[in-house]
Amino acid sequence: MKTTDRGIFLHRLAYSDTSLIITFLTKSSGLKKFIFKGGKKKAHSLFPMSIGELSFYDRKESSLLQLTAVDPATSHQFQFDPIKSTIAFFLAEVIRKCVHQDEVDSTCYDFIEQKVEELDASEDYQYFPINFLVDFTEILGVQPYVKNDSGSYFNLDEGTFESHSRIDLREASGAPADLIRNRILGNGTVDYTRMDREQALETMLDYYRIHIPNFGVLDSYEIVKEILHA
């Protein structure tokens, strides 16, 4: 039976000389993988975090669905910007590490689609990777808890901001922790240094490795880190 759905493109893998295996986060069915026959010639409009209208069929002999067509659902320009497109690769990899196949969560999908719109419209994108990681923790159910506004020590193991250091646990402090705490509280962004932004990003990735099973190392990290050096 032919099915249609809306999806955010995350990843492609060569399947044959002409076909691809493609991963989408779909609105109705969660994370799904498709075989796209002839996709190498048809997938010119697919770019990480692009949003499309999908047409596909079930395949009884495989868990892979058969994708027949992908039409752009929205008009975006971020894929033509070298910095924003690098951020898009980073976001797509983070999502694939955090979202389980077939896990349907409309709140998660809507959140990510909103972030695509924000990335496309953003003019100040040096904080975008960090802010995404911080905001995404709420959707994933692992958002750090700020006990009070003066909590300057970010306890990564317990996921709390505290007033006192605990040397027995992994923690972050100073400007990187302040950046993360202010984002959680919705405070205005302070003009942090390049090093502060880089350390805050590394802190959030460490936090994900602790609280998201099998998160591991991101292939796109070293590239996106260069954005914070600009």
C-alpha atoms as a PDB file:
ATOM      1  CA  MET A   1       0.000   0.000   0.000  1.00  0.00           C
ATOM      2  CA  LYS A   2       1.287   3.419  -0.932  1.00  0.00           C
ATOM      3  CA  THR A   3       1.854   5.778   1.993  1.00  0.00           C
ATOM      4  CA  THR A   4       2.761   9.445   2.231  1.00  0.00           C
ATOM      5  CA  ASP A   5       4.420  11.262   5.096  1.00  0.00           C
ATOM      6  CA  ARG A   6       6.457  14.332   5.896  1.00  0.00           C
ATOM      7  CA  GLY A   7      10.095  13.781   6.813  1.00  0.00           C
ATOM      8  CA  ILE A   8      13.410  15.394   7.680  1.00  0.00           C
ATOM      9  CA  PHE A   9      16.338  13.946   5.756  1.00  0.00           C
ATOM     10  CA  LEU A  10      19.192  12.734   7.973  1.00  0.00           C
ATOM     11  CA  HIS A  11      21.502  10.366   6.097  1.00  0.00           C
ATOM     12  CA  ARG A  12      22.203   8.516   2.871  1.00  0.00           C
ATOM     13  CA  LEU A  13      24.256   5.405   2.132  1.00  0.00           C
ATOM     14  CA  ALA A  14      25.103   3.930  -1.257  1.00  0.00           C
ATOM     15  CA  TYR A  15      23.246   0.647  -1.825  1.00  0.00           C
ATOM     16  CA  SER A  16      24.239  -0.092  -5.419  1.00  0.00           C
ATOM     17  CA  ASP A  17      25.523   1.753  -8.454  1.00  0.00           C
ATOM     18  CA  THR A  18      22.211   3.577  -8.742  1.00  0.00           C
ATOM     19  CA  SER A  19      20.319   3.165  -5.444  1.00  0.00           C
ATOM     20  CA  LEU A  20      20.552   4.583  -1.938  1.00  0.00           C
ATOM     21  CA  ILE A  21      19.520   3.677   1.588  1.00  0.00           C
ATOM     22  CA  ILE A  22      18.099   6.852   3.078  1.00  0.00           C
ATOM     23  CA  THR A  23      17.207   7.729   6.665  1.00  0.00           C
ATOM     24  CA  PHE A  24      14.398  10.164   7.466  1.00  0.00           C
ATOM     25  CA  LEU A  25      12.826  11.294  10.697  1.00  0.00           C
ATOM     26  CA  THR A  26       9.179  11.108   9.673  1.00  0.00           C
ATOM     27  CA  LYS A  27       6.295  12.918  11.308  1.00  0.00           C
ATOM     28  CA  SER A  28       3.942   9.931  11.576  1.00  0.00           C
ATOM     29  CA  SER A  29       6.298   6.956  11.906  1.00  0.00           C
ATOM     30  CA  GLY A  30       9.456   8.203  13.585  1.00  0.00           C
ATOM     31  CA  LEU A  31      12.928   7.293  12.350  1.00  0.00           C
ATOM     32  CA  LYS A  32      12.663   5.227   9.163  1.00  0.00           C
ATOM     33  CA  LYS A  33      15.064   3.784   6.606  1.00  0.00           C
ATOM     34  CA  PHE A  34      14.162   3.512   2.937  1.00  0.00           C
ATOM     35  CA  ILE A  35      15.622   1.965  -0.157  1.00  0.00           C
ATOM     36  CA  PHE A  36      15.483   4.515  -2.961  1.00  0.00           C
ATOM     37  CA  LYS A  37      15.962   2.780  -6.301  1.00  0.00           C
ATOM     38  CA  GLY A  38      17.636   5.057  -8.789  1.00  0.00           C
ATOM     39  CA  GLY A  39      18.106   7.505  -5.941  1.00  0.00           C
ATOM     40  CA  LYS A  40      21.565   8.625  -7.001  1.00  0.00           C
ATOM     41  CA  LYS A  41      19.989  10.426  -9.942  1.00  0.00           C
ATOM     42  CA  LYS A  42      16.831  11.537  -8.133  1.00  0.00           C
ATOM     43  CA  ALA A  43      18.191  12.695  -4.782  1.00  0.00           C
ATOM     44  CA  HIS A  44      19.747  15.974  -5.911  1.00  0.00           C
ATOM     45  CA  SER A  45      17.429  17.958  -3.628  1.00  0.00           C
ATOM     46  CA  LEU A  46      18.200  15.892  -0.523  1.00  0.00           C
ATOM     47  CA  PHE A  47      20.429  17.628   1.988  1.00  0.00           C
ATOM     48  CA  PRO A  48      20.772  16.962   5.741  1.00  0.00           C
ATOM     49  CA  MET A  49      17.846  18.569   7.605  1.00  0.00           C
ATOM     50  CA  SER A  50      15.903  19.303   4.418  1.00  0.00           C
ATOM     51  CA  ILE A  51      12.169  18.674   4.755  1.00  0.00           C
ATOM     52  CA  GLY A  52      10.325  16.616   2.177  1.00  0.00           C
ATOM     53  CA  GLU A  53       7.001  15.040   1.321  1.00  0.00           C
ATOM     54  CA  LEU A  54       7.636  11.300   0.999  1.00  0.00           C
ATOM     55  CA  SER A  55       5.836   8.630  -1.021  1.00  0.00           C
ATOM     56  CA  PHE A  56       6.710   5.009  -0.255  1.00  0.00           C
ATOM     57  CA  TYR A  57       5.580   1.386  -0.044  1.00  0.00           C
ATOM     58  CA  ASP A  58       6.044  -1.308   2.600  1.00  0.00           C
ATOM     59  CA  ARG A  59       8.352  -4.160   1.657  1.00  0.00           C
ATOM     60  CA  LYS A  60       7.274  -7.475   3.186  1.00  0.00           C
ATOM     61  CA  GLU A  61      10.664  -9.034   2.614  1.00  0.00           C
ATOM     62  CA  SER A  62      12.585  -6.291   4.426  1.00  0.00           C
ATOM     63  CA  SER A  63      12.349  -3.702   7.172  1.00  0.00           C
ATOM     64  CA  LEU A  64      13.434  -1.147   4.586  1.00  0.00           C
ATOM     65  CA  LEU A  65      10.558   0.786   3.054  1.00  0.00           C
ATOM     66  CA  GLN A  66      10.592   1.478  -0.663  1.00  0.00           C
ATOM     67  CA  LEU A  67      10.809   5.200  -1.314  1.00  0.00           C
ATOM     68  CA  THR A  68       9.362   6.219  -4.664  1.00  0.00           C
ATOM     69  CA  ALA A  69       9.452  10.023  -4.514  1.00  0.00           C
ATOM     70  CA  VAL A  70      10.615  12.938  -2.379  1.00  0.00           C
ATOM     71  CA  ASP A  71       9.279  16.416  -3.045  1.00  0.00           C
ATOM     72  CA  PRO A  72      10.529  19.497  -1.171  1.00  0.00           C
ATOM     73  CA  ALA A  73       7.987  20.488   1.468  1.00  0.00           C
ATOM     74  CA  THR A  74       9.468  23.900   2.149  1.00  0.00           C
ATOM     75  CA  SER A  75      11.839  26.336   0.494  1.00  0.00           C
ATOM     76  CA  HIS A  76      15.101  26.782   2.398  1.00  0.00           C
ATOM     77  CA  GLN A  77      18.441  28.380   1.607  1.00  0.00           C
ATOM     78  CA  PHE A  78      20.643  27.068   4.429  1.00  0.00           C
ATOM     79  CA  GLN A  79      22.091  24.284   2.278  1.00  0.00           C
ATOM     80  CA  PHE A  80      23.759  26.920   0.078  1.00  0.00           C
ATOM     81  CA  ASP A  81      25.550  28.508   3.037  1.00  0.00           C
ATOM     82  CA  PRO A  82      28.796  26.632   3.887  1.00  0.00           C
ATOM     83  CA  ILE A  83      28.547  27.348   7.615  1.00  0.00           C
ATOM     84  CA  LYS A  84      24.839  26.605   7.991  1.00  0.00           C
ATOM     85  CA  SER A  85      25.160  23.458   5.893  1.00  0.00           C
ATOM     86  CA  THR A  86      27.950  22.240   8.196  1.00  0.00           C
ATOM     87  CA  ILE A  87      25.684  22.853  11.191  1.00  0.00           C
ATOM     88  CA  ALA A  88      22.945  20.887   9.402  1.00  0.00           C
ATOM     89  CA  PHE A  89      25.279  17.869   9.053  1.00  0.00           C
ATOM     90  CA  PHE A  90      26.043  18.145  12.774  1.00  0.00           C
ATOM     91  CA  LEU A  91      22.371  18.317  13.772  1.00  0.00           C
ATOM     92  CA  ALA A  92      21.490  15.348  11.565  1.00  0.00           C
ATOM     93  CA  GLU A  93      24.189  13.210  13.166  1.00  0.00           C
ATOM     94  CA  VAL A  94      23.103  14.182  16.699  1.00  0.00           C
ATOM     95  CA  ILE A  95      19.488  13.266  15.904  1.00  0.00           C
ATOM     96  CA  ARG A  96      20.452   9.857  14.471  1.00  0.00           C
ATOM     97  CA  LYS A  97      22.381   9.133  17.664  1.00  0.00           C
ATOM     98  CA  CYS A  98      19.481  10.076  19.928  1.00  0.00           C
ATOM     99  CA  VAL A  99      16.276   8.930  18.217  1.00  0.00           C
ATOM    100  CA  HIS A 100      15.399   5.231  17.996  1.00  0.00           C
ATOM    101  CA  GLN A 101      13.975   3.657  14.861  1.00  0.00           C
ATOM    102  CA  ASP A 102      10.160   3.488  14.732  1.00  0.00           C
ATOM    103  CA  GLU A 103       9.878   5.600  17.904  1.00  0.00           C
ATOM    104  CA  VAL A 104       7.040   8.028  17.133  1.00  0.00           C
ATOM    105  CA  ASP A 105       7.200  11.357  18.951  1.00  0.00           C
ATOM    106  CA  SER A 106       5.349  14.227  17.314  1.00  0.00           C
ATOM    107  CA  THR A 107       6.759  16.697  19.853  1.00  0.00           C
ATOM    108  CA  CYS A 108      10.283  15.698  18.872  1.00  0.00           C
ATOM    109  CA  TYR A 109       9.497  15.987  15.173  1.00  0.00           C
ATOM    110  CA  ASP A 110       7.879  19.420  15.560  1.00  0.00           C
ATOM    111  CA  PHE A 111      10.821  20.632  17.662  1.00  0.00           C
ATOM    112  CA  ILE A 112      13.342  19.582  15.015  1.00  0.00           C
ATOM    113  CA  GLU A 113      11.345  21.053  12.160  1.00  0.00           C
ATOM    114  CA  GLN A 114      11.189  24.332  14.086  1.00  0.00           C
ATOM    115  CA  LYS A 115      14.976  24.216  14.486  1.00  0.00           C
ATOM    116  CA  VAL A 116      15.335  23.819  10.727  1.00  0.00           C
ATOM    117  CA  GLU A 117      13.340  27.019  10.282  1.00  0.00           C
ATOM    118  CA  GLU A 118      15.473  28.785  12.885  1.00  0.00           C
ATOM    119  CA  LEU A 119      18.700  27.667  11.214  1.00  0.00           C
ATOM    120  CA  ASP A 120      17.482  28.905   7.854  1.00  0.00           C
ATOM    121  CA  ALA A 121      16.586  32.316   9.282  1.00  0.00           C
ATOM    122  CA  SER A 122      19.528  32.666  11.665  1.00  0.00           C
ATOM    123  CA  GLU A 123      22.163  35.336  11.160  1.00  0.00           C
ATOM    124  CA  ASP A 124      24.076  34.630  14.386  1.00  0.00           C
ATOM    125  CA  TYR A 125      24.849  30.926  14.125  1.00  0.00           C
ATOM    126  CA  GLN A 126      27.973  30.659  16.294  1.00  0.00           C
ATOM    127  CA  TYR A 127      25.771  29.592  19.208  1.00  0.00           C
ATOM    128  CA  PHE A 128      23.405  27.429  17.177  1.00  0.00           C
ATOM    129  CA  PRO A 129      25.074  24.005  17.764  1.00  0.00           C
ATOM    130  CA  ILE A 130      25.347  24.635  21.514  1.00  0.00           C
ATOM    131  CA  ASN A 131      21.815  25.968  21.834  1.00  0.00           C
ATOM    132  CA  PHE A 132      20.430  23.022  19.887  1.00  0.00           C
ATOM    133  CA  LEU A 133      22.132  20.510  22.191  1.00  0.00           C
ATOM    134  CA  VAL A 134      20.865  22.317  25.287  1.00  0.00           C
ATOM    135  CA  ASP A 135      17.299  22.654  23.965  1.00  0.00           C
ATOM    136  CA  PHE A 136      17.180  19.066  22.695  1.00  0.00           C
ATOM    137  CA  THR A 137      17.835  17.703  26.206  1.00  0.00           C
ATOM    138  CA  GLU A 138      14.343  18.835  27.226  1.00  0.00           C
ATOM    139  CA  ILE A 139      12.779  16.874  24.348  1.00  0.00           C
ATOM    140  CA  LEU A 140      14.885  13.816  25.201  1.00  0.00           C
ATOM    141  CA  GLY A 141      13.908  14.004  28.879  1.00  0.00           C
ATOM    142  CA  VAL A 142      17.454  14.610  30.176  1.00  0.00           C
ATOM    143  CA  GLN A 143      17.507  18.381  30.584  1.00  0.00           C
ATOM    144  CA  PRO A 144      19.927  19.491  33.352  1.00  0.00           C
ATOM    145  CA  TYR A 145      18.193  20.796  36.457  1.00  0.00           C
ATOM    146  CA  VAL A 146      19.128  24.268  37.681  1.00  0.00           C
ATOM    147  CA  LYS A 147      18.633  24.207  41.451  1.00  0.00           C
ATOM    148  CA  ASN A 148      19.052  27.967  41.721  1.00  0.00           C
ATOM    149  CA  ASP A 149      20.156  30.820  39.486  1.00  0.00           C
ATOM    150  CA  SER A 150      23.522  31.071  41.231  1.00  0.00           C
ATOM    151  CA  GLY A 151      24.477  27.450  40.623  1.00  0.00           C
ATOM    152  CA  SER A 152      27.829  27.824  38.872  1.00  0.00           C
ATOM    153  CA  TYR A 153      28.945  24.186  38.830  1.00  0.00           C
ATOM    154  CA  PHE A 154      27.461  21.907  36.200  1.00  0.00           C
ATOM    155  CA  ASN A 155      27.435  18.361  37.578  1.00  0.00           C
ATOM    156  CA  LEU A 156      27.431  16.259  34.410  1.00  0.00           C
ATOM    157  CA  ASP A 157      26.884  12.923  36.116  1.00  0.00           C
ATOM    158  CA  GLU A 158      23.757  13.949  38.004  1.00  0.00           C
ATOM    159  CA  GLY A 159      22.605  16.573  35.500  1.00  0.00           C
ATOM    160  CA  THR A 160      22.340  19.432  37.973  1.00  0.00           C
ATOM    161  CA  PHE A 161      23.711  22.932  38.448  1.00  0.00           C
ATOM    162  CA  GLU A 162      24.979  23.356  41.986  1.00  0.00           C
ATOM    163  CA  SER A 163      26.501  26.071  44.152  1.00  0.00           C
ATOM    164  CA  HIS A 164      29.457  23.967  45.284  1.00  0.00           C
ATOM    165  CA  SER A 165      32.024  21.872  43.480  1.00  0.00           C
ATOM    166  CA  ARG A 166      32.022  18.088  43.932  1.00  0.00           C
ATOM    167  CA  ILE A 167      35.402  16.684  43.029  1.00  0.00           C
ATOM    168  CA  ASP A 168      34.102  13.095  43.014  1.00  0.00           C
ATOM    169  CA  LEU A 169      31.935  13.765  39.937  1.00  0.00           C
ATOM    170  CA  ARG A 170      32.502  15.130  36.451  1.00  0.00           C
ATOM    171  CA  GLU A 171      31.650  18.809  36.285  1.00  0.00           C
ATOM    172  CA  ALA A 172      32.089  22.027  34.330  1.00  0.00           C
ATOM    173  CA  SER A 173      32.311  25.543  35.683  1.00  0.00           C
ATOM    174  CA  GLY A 174      33.090  29.081  34.660  1.00  0.00           C
ATOM    175  CA  ALA A 175      31.852  30.716  31.471  1.00  0.00           C
ATOM    176  CA  PRO A 176      31.024  27.454  29.580  1.00  0.00           C
ATOM    177  CA  ALA A 177      28.742  26.299  32.401  1.00  0.00           C
ATOM    178  CA  ASP A 178      27.287  29.808  32.640  1.00  0.00           C
ATOM    179  CA  LEU A 179      26.468  29.750  28.914  1.00  0.00           C
ATOM    180  CA  ILE A 180      24.611  26.441  29.257  1.00  0.00           C
ATOM    181  CA  ARG A 181      22.749  27.492  32.414  1.00  0.00           C
ATOM    182  CA  ASN A 182      21.620  30.777  30.852  1.00  0.00           C
ATOM    183  CA  ARG A 183      20.254  28.913  27.836  1.00  0.00           C
ATOM    184  CA  ILE A 184      18.245  26.579  30.072  1.00  0.00           C
ATOM    185  CA  LEU A 185      16.857  29.521  32.035  1.00  0.00           C
ATOM    186  CA  GLY A 186      16.056  31.484  28.884  1.00  0.00           C
ATOM    187  CA  ASN A 187      18.332  34.361  29.817  1.00  0.00           C
ATOM    188  CA  GLY A 188      19.745  36.661  27.180  1.00  0.00           C
ATOM    189  CA  THR A 189      22.971  35.601  25.495  1.00  0.00           C
ATOM    190  CA  VAL A 190      26.179  37.143  26.816  1.00  0.00           C
ATOM    191  CA  ASP A 191      29.033  37.718  24.380  1.00  0.00           C
ATOM    192  CA  TYR A 192      31.173  34.709  25.234  1.00  0.00           C
ATOM    193  CA  THR A 193      34.646  34.142  23.827  1.00  0.00           C
ATOM    194  CA  ARG A 194      35.503  31.634  21.138  1.00  0.00           C
ATOM    195  CA  MET A 195      37.109  29.349  23.729  1.00  0.00           C
ATOM    196  CA  ASP A 196      34.044  29.570  25.988  1.00  0.00           C
ATOM    197  CA  ARG A 197      31.785  28.505  23.118  1.00  0.00           C
ATOM    198  CA  GLU A 198      34.046  25.613  22.186  1.00  0.00           C
ATOM    199  CA  GLN A 199      34.251  24.373  25.777  1.00  0.00           C
ATOM    200  CA  ALA A 200      30.485  24.680  26.208  1.00  0.00           C
ATOM    201  CA  LEU A 201      29.947  22.574  23.079  1.00  0.00           C
ATOM    202  CA  GLU A 202      32.399  19.927  24.317  1.00  0.00           C
ATOM    203  CA  THR A 203      30.693  19.942  27.726  1.00  0.00           C
ATOM    204  CA  MET A 204      27.292  19.304  26.174  1.00  0.00           C
ATOM    205  CA  LEU A 205      28.680  16.481  24.036  1.00  0.00           C
ATOM    206  CA  ASP A 206      30.193  14.922  27.168  1.00  0.00           C
ATOM    207  CA  TYR A 207      26.805  15.262  28.840  1.00  0.00           C
ATOM    208  CA  TYR A 208      25.121  13.455  25.931  1.00  0.00           C
ATOM    209  CA  ARG A 209      27.685  10.632  26.125  1.00  0.00           C
ATOM    210  CA  ILE A 210      26.839  10.170  29.789  1.00  0.00           C
ATOM    211  CA  HIS A 211      23.043  10.280  29.452  1.00  0.00           C
ATOM    212  CA  ILE A 212      22.312   9.036  25.897  1.00  0.00           C
ATOM    213  CA  PRO A 213      23.186   5.336  25.410  1.00  0.00           C
ATOM    214  CA  ASN A 214      25.682   4.647  22.612  1.00  0.00           C
ATOM    215  CA  PHE A 215      26.013   8.309  21.726  1.00  0.00           C
ATOM    216  CA  GLY A 216      29.758   7.992  21.203  1.00  0.00           C
ATOM    217  CA  VAL A 217      31.870  10.246  19.010  1.00  0.00           C
ATOM    218  CA  LEU A 218      30.455  12.473  16.268  1.00  0.00           C
ATOM    219  CA  ASP A 219      32.165  12.411  12.879  1.00  0.00           C
ATOM    220  CA  SER A 220      31.018  15.979  12.237  1.00  0.00           C
ATOM    221  CA  TYR A 221      32.321  17.439  15.502  1.00  0.00           C
ATOM    222  CA  GLU A 222      35.771  18.582  14.379  1.00  0.00           C
ATOM    223  CA  ILE A 223      34.276  20.328  11.366  1.00  0.00           C
ATOM    224  CA  VAL A 224      31.509  22.135  13.221  1.00  0.00           C
ATOM    225  CA  LYS A 225      33.949  23.133  15.945  1.00  0.00           C
ATOM    226  CA  GLU A 226      35.725  25.308  13.378  1.00  0.00           C
ATOM    227  CA  ILE A 227      32.571  27.409  13.139  1.00  0.00           C
ATOM    228  CA  LEU A 228      33.106  28.497  16.712  1.00  0.00           C
ATOM    229  CA  HIS A 229      36.587  29.701  15.786  1.00  0.00           C
ATOM    230  CA  ALA A 230      35.255  32.221  13.296  1.00  0.00           C
END
